[in-house]
C-alpha cells in the first residue's frame, strides 16, 4: 500500500525489506514509501554483532525505527523495536496489504485503473483515519463523510460496496441485560417500539421485565460504542414514555 507521505518521520516504525548486506550495514527498502534506507551494524541487534549475515538475510521483512532523515538519507534501527511493536506494526501493515486488494476491487467495480484511487481513496483515508484499512472499516459501517474527504459519489458507492462485501464487523461481541417497564395500557406497545433499534443491536426477551441486548463490533471499543448507543436510544424512548430503565452488563 502506498502512503501519502513522501518519507517516514523520525521515530516512526516502518516495515522494511532487507535488500543488501554489507560488512557494516544493511540496505533496506522502506515499504509504502518509494525510498530506501540503511541500518548500521550497531543498530541491528542489542547483542554485539560481528557478522551481519548471521542476523539478517536478503529478502527478509522486518520492522525498523527511523532514527534520522536528512538530505534523502534515512538511517534506521532494528534493535530499538521490541517484540510488541514489531508484532503490531506487522499486523497494521498486513491490513494495509489487504486494503490494497480492496482498492483493486474498487477499481474493478468502477472499470478503471487502481493507480488514481490511491489519490482519491487511500490517501484521504490515511489522513483521516491513520490507515487505509480503517477507512474501509468505517465505510463498511456507512460511517464515512465522503463529501468531506473529497471523494465523489460514484467512487464512494463502490468503496462502500467493496467494504461491506469483504469486511466482517462482528469480530467482538458484547452482551448485557436491560430491565424496562412502562405503566399504562400503552406500556407494551411503548416497550416494543423502544426495543426496535434496527441493526444497532439484537434485543431478545428473557423474562418480564428483563431483556437481553447484544452487539457486535470490529473491536472492543467499537462494540462498547454500539452498546452505549443502543442503550441510550432505548433509555430515552422508555423514559419519554414515562417508564423506567435499568442496564445490567454481563
Protein backbone atom coordinates (compact mmCIF):
# COMPACT_ATOMS: atom_id res chain seq x y z
CA UNK A 1 0.00 0.00 0.00
CA UNK A 2 1.35 3.38 -0.98
CA UNK A 3 1.44 6.02 1.73
CA UNK A 4 0.52 9.66 1.24
CA UNK A 5 3.72 10.99 2.85
CA UNK A 6 6.91 11.35 0.82
CA UNK A 7 9.12 9.89 3.55
CA UNK A 8 8.80 8.49 7.08
CA UNK A 9 9.23 10.66 10.15
CA UNK A 10 11.85 10.33 12.87
CA UNK A 11 10.68 7.83 15.47
CA UNK A 12 8.22 6.16 13.10
CA UNK A 13 8.04 2.37 12.98
CA UNK A 14 8.17 1.05 9.42
CA UNK A 15 8.20 -2.30 7.66
CA UNK A 16 11.41 -2.81 5.71
CA UNK A 17 12.79 -5.43 3.35
CA UNK A 18 16.50 -6.21 3.55
CA UNK A 19 17.89 -5.60 0.03
CA UNK A 20 21.67 -5.54 0.54
CA UNK A 21 24.09 -6.78 3.17
CA UNK A 22 27.47 -5.14 3.61
CA UNK A 23 30.20 -5.65 6.20
CA UNK A 24 29.00 -2.88 8.50
CA UNK A 25 25.46 -2.08 7.31
CA UNK A 26 22.32 -3.33 5.64
CA UNK A 27 20.45 -1.60 2.86
CA UNK A 28 16.65 -1.74 3.14
CA UNK A 29 13.62 -0.79 1.12
CA UNK A 30 11.04 1.01 3.24
CA UNK A 31 7.60 -0.42 2.46
CA UNK A 32 4.94 2.12 1.50
CA UNK A 33 7.47 4.78 0.63
CA UNK A 34 9.31 4.89 -2.67
CA UNK A 35 12.61 5.13 -0.86
CA UNK A 36 15.48 3.19 0.71
CA UNK A 37 17.38 3.41 3.97
CA UNK A 38 20.33 1.99 5.88
CA UNK A 39 20.75 0.09 9.13
CA UNK A 40 24.24 0.33 10.65
CA UNK A 41 25.59 -2.88 12.17
CA UNK A 42 25.48 -1.25 15.62
CA UNK A 43 21.68 -0.89 15.25
CA UNK A 44 20.99 -4.46 14.13
CA UNK A 45 20.94 -6.26 17.47
CA UNK A 46 21.15 -5.49 21.19
CA UNK A 47 23.90 -8.07 21.43
CA UNK A 48 27.30 -7.47 19.86
CA UNK A 49 27.28 -8.43 16.19
CA UNK A 50 30.43 -9.23 14.28
CA UNK A 51 28.91 -10.80 11.18
CA UNK A 52 25.74 -9.04 9.99
CA UNK A 53 24.85 -12.02 7.79
CA UNK A 54 24.26 -14.13 10.89
CA UNK A 55 21.49 -11.74 11.94
CA UNK A 56 19.89 -10.73 8.63
CA UNK A 57 19.09 -12.24 5.24
CA UNK A 58 18.42 -10.54 1.93
CA UNK A 59 14.70 -10.53 1.17
CA UNK A 60 13.78 -10.68 4.88
CA UNK A 61 10.98 -8.36 6.03
CA UNK A 62 11.11 -6.86 9.50
CA UNK A 63 10.27 -3.71 11.45
CA UNK A 64 12.64 -0.79 11.99
CA UNK A 65 12.53 2.56 13.76
CA UNK A 66 13.52 5.68 11.84
CA UNK A 67 16.47 7.39 13.52
CA UNK A 68 17.40 10.11 11.05
CA UNK A 69 16.03 11.65 7.85
CA UNK A 70 18.44 14.07 6.25
CA UNK A 71 19.21 15.05 2.63
CA UNK A 72 17.48 11.97 1.26
CA UNK A 73 19.38 9.66 3.61
CA UNK A 74 17.35 7.59 6.09
CA UNK A 75 19.01 5.76 8.97
CA UNK A 76 17.08 3.13 10.86
CA UNK A 77 17.38 0.81 13.84
CA UNK A 78 16.23 -2.75 14.31
CA UNK A 79 17.37 -3.21 17.88
CA UNK A 80 15.18 -0.38 19.24
CA UNK A 81 11.98 -2.17 18.22
CA UNK A 82 10.56 -4.52 20.85
CA UNK A 83 8.54 -7.64 20.09
CA UNK A 84 5.17 -6.00 20.79
CA UNK A 85 5.95 -3.07 18.49
CA UNK A 86 7.14 -5.43 15.79
CA UNK A 87 4.01 -7.57 16.03
CA UNK A 88 1.62 -4.60 15.99
CA UNK A 89 3.42 -2.87 13.11
CA UNK A 90 3.42 -6.03 11.00
CA UNK A 91 -0.29 -6.57 11.74
CA UNK A 92 -1.03 -3.00 10.69
CA UNK A 93 1.00 -3.41 7.50
CA UNK A 94 -0.69 -6.72 6.66
CA UNK A 95 -4.06 -4.99 6.96
CA UNK A 96 -2.82 -2.31 4.57
CA UNK A 97 -1.91 -5.05 2.10
CA UNK A 98 -5.48 -6.29 2.42
CA UNK A 99 -6.72 -2.73 1.86
CA UNK A 100 -4.62 -2.64 -1.31
CA UNK A 101 -6.61 -5.61 -2.57
CA UNK A 102 -9.83 -3.84 -1.63
CA UNK A 103 -8.66 -0.88 -3.69
CA UNK A 104 -8.23 -3.18 -6.69
CA UNK A 105 -11.78 -4.46 -6.17
CA UNK A 106 -12.99 -0.85 -6.17
CA UNK A 107 -11.14 -0.27 -9.43
CA UNK A 108 -12.76 -3.39 -10.90
CA UNK A 109 -16.16 -2.18 -9.70
CA UNK A 110 -15.62 1.15 -11.45
CA UNK A 111 -13.96 -0.33 -14.51
CA UNK A 112 -10.88 1.82 -14.02
CA UNK A 113 -7.21 1.55 -13.03
CA UNK A 114 -6.21 1.25 -9.40
CA UNK A 115 -3.46 3.90 -9.55
CA UNK A 116 -5.72 7.01 -9.40
CA UNK A 117 -7.56 5.52 -6.42
CA UNK A 118 -4.55 5.99 -4.17
CA UNK A 119 -5.02 9.74 -4.52
CA UNK A 120 -8.83 9.59 -4.49
CA UNK A 121 -9.40 6.99 -1.75
CA UNK A 122 -6.31 5.62 0.05
CA UNK A 123 -4.60 8.92 0.84
CA UNK A 124 -7.78 10.64 2.16
CA UNK A 125 -8.45 7.56 4.34
CA UNK A 126 -4.87 7.61 5.67
CA UNK A 127 -5.07 11.31 6.56
CA UNK A 128 -8.45 10.93 8.24
CA UNK A 129 -8.19 7.54 9.97
CA UNK A 130 -4.47 6.74 10.08
CA UNK A 131 -4.69 3.73 7.73
CA UNK A 132 -6.50 2.84 4.53
CA UNK A 133 -7.87 -0.33 6.11
CA UNK A 134 -9.53 1.60 8.93
CA UNK A 135 -11.14 3.83 6.31
CA UNK A 136 -12.63 0.75 4.66
CA UNK A 137 -13.83 -0.45 8.08
CA UNK A 138 -15.68 2.82 8.60
CA UNK A 139 -17.07 2.54 5.07
CA UNK A 140 -18.41 -0.92 5.90
CA UNK A 141 -20.39 0.73 8.70
CA UNK A 142 -21.55 3.51 6.33
CA UNK A 143 -19.78 5.83 8.74
CA UNK A 144 -17.71 7.92 6.30
CA UNK A 145 -18.41 11.52 5.27
CA UNK A 146 -17.13 11.00 1.73
CA UNK A 147 -18.01 14.54 0.69
CA UNK A 148 -15.83 15.98 3.46
CA UNK A 149 -12.97 13.77 2.26
CA UNK A 150 -13.42 14.96 -1.33
CA UNK A 151 -14.49 11.52 -2.59
CA UNK A 152 -17.18 11.69 -5.27
CA UNK A 153 -20.44 9.72 -5.09
CA UNK A 154 -19.60 7.08 -7.71
CA UNK A 155 -16.32 6.15 -6.01
CA UNK A 156 -17.96 6.33 -2.57
CA UNK A 157 -20.67 3.85 -3.61
CA UNK A 158 -18.03 1.44 -4.95
CA UNK A 159 -15.94 1.75 -1.77
CA UNK A 160 -18.94 1.01 0.46
CA UNK A 161 -19.94 -1.97 -1.68
CA UNK A 162 -16.45 -3.49 -1.54
CA UNK A 163 -16.10 -2.76 2.18
CA UNK A 164 -19.42 -4.34 3.11
CA UNK A 165 -18.73 -7.42 0.97
CA UNK A 166 -15.25 -8.02 2.38
CA UNK A 167 -15.15 -6.82 5.99
CA UNK A 168 -16.89 -8.56 8.86
CA UNK A 169 -17.87 -6.14 11.58
CA UNK A 170 -18.76 -8.88 14.04
CA UNK A 171 -15.32 -9.56 15.46
CA UNK A 172 -16.12 -8.68 19.08
CA UNK A 173 -19.38 -9.49 20.85
CA UNK A 174 -20.72 -7.60 23.88
CA UNK A 175 -23.82 -8.62 25.80
CA UNK A 176 -25.88 -7.17 28.62
CA UNK A 177 -29.36 -7.18 30.11
CA UNK A 178 -31.88 -4.40 30.47
CA UNK A 179 -34.96 -4.15 32.67
CA UNK A 180 -37.70 -1.92 31.25
CA UNK A 181 -41.19 -1.09 32.50
CA UNK A 182 -43.78 1.32 31.16
CA UNK A 183 -47.04 1.62 33.10
CA UNK A 184 -50.46 2.07 31.50
CA UNK A 185 -52.46 0.47 28.72
CA UNK A 186 -49.94 1.51 26.07
CA UNK A 187 -46.97 0.17 28.03
CA UNK A 188 -46.44 -2.99 25.99
CA UNK A 189 -46.52 -1.10 22.69
CA UNK A 190 -44.16 1.56 24.05
CA UNK A 191 -41.65 -1.09 25.14
CA UNK A 192 -41.88 -2.87 21.79
CA UNK A 193 -41.20 0.37 19.92
CA UNK A 194 -38.32 1.32 22.24
CA UNK A 195 -36.60 -2.04 21.79
CA UNK A 196 -36.75 -1.81 18.00
CA UNK A 197 -33.23 -0.43 17.38
CA UNK A 198 -32.77 -1.97 13.94
CA UNK A 199 -29.28 -3.24 13.13
CA UNK A 200 -27.71 -1.41 16.06
CA UNK A 201 -28.29 -4.30 18.47
CA UNK A 202 -30.08 -7.62 18.90
CA UNK A 203 -32.66 -7.46 21.69
CA UNK A 204 -34.45 -10.59 22.91
CA UNK A 205 -36.95 -11.34 25.68
CA UNK A 206 -35.71 -13.12 28.83
CA UNK A 207 -38.49 -12.76 31.40
CA UNK A 208 -40.52 -9.74 32.40
CA UNK A 209 -39.20 -7.10 32.76
CA UNK A 210 -35.79 -8.31 31.55
CA UNK A 211 -34.40 -8.39 28.01
CA UNK A 212 -31.03 -9.44 26.66
CA UNK A 213 -29.15 -6.96 24.47
CA UNK A 214 -26.25 -7.99 22.25
CA UNK A 215 -24.00 -6.03 19.89
CA UNK A 216 -21.00 -6.80 17.68
CA UNK A 217 -18.13 -4.55 16.77
CA UNK A 218 -14.90 -4.64 14.79
CA UNK A 219 -13.03 -4.27 18.10
CA UNK A 220 -13.79 -3.80 21.80
CA UNK A 221 -14.05 -0.01 21.57
CA UNK A 222 -16.42 -0.23 18.61
CA UNK A 223 -18.60 -2.80 20.40
CA UNK A 224 -18.74 -0.61 23.51
CA UNK A 225 -19.73 2.41 21.44
CA UNK A 226 -22.55 0.44 19.82
CA UNK A 227 -23.74 -0.84 23.19
CA UNK A 228 -23.74 2.71 24.57
CA UNK A 229 -25.67 3.98 21.53
CA UNK A 230 -28.27 1.21 21.75
CA UNK A 231 -28.65 1.57 25.50
CA UNK A 232 -29.08 5.35 25.30
CA UNK A 233 -31.60 5.08 22.46
CA UNK A 234 -33.73 2.60 24.41
CA UNK A 235 -33.42 4.54 27.66
CA UNK A 236 -34.57 7.77 26.00
CA UNK A 237 -37.60 6.09 24.39
CA UNK A 238 -38.62 4.33 27.62
CA UNK A 239 -38.27 7.42 29.80
CA UNK A 240 -40.09 9.57 27.22
CA UNK A 241 -42.96 7.09 27.53
CA UNK A 242 -42.96 7.55 31.32
CA UNK A 243 -41.24 4.26 32.09
CA UNK A 244 -38.13 3.08 33.93
CA UNK A 245 -34.90 1.68 32.51
CA UNK A 246 -32.01 -0.25 34.07
CA UNK A 247 -28.94 -1.71 32.36
CA UNK A 248 -27.00 -4.68 33.76
CA UNK A 249 -23.75 -5.57 32.00
CA UNK A 250 -22.99 -9.29 31.86
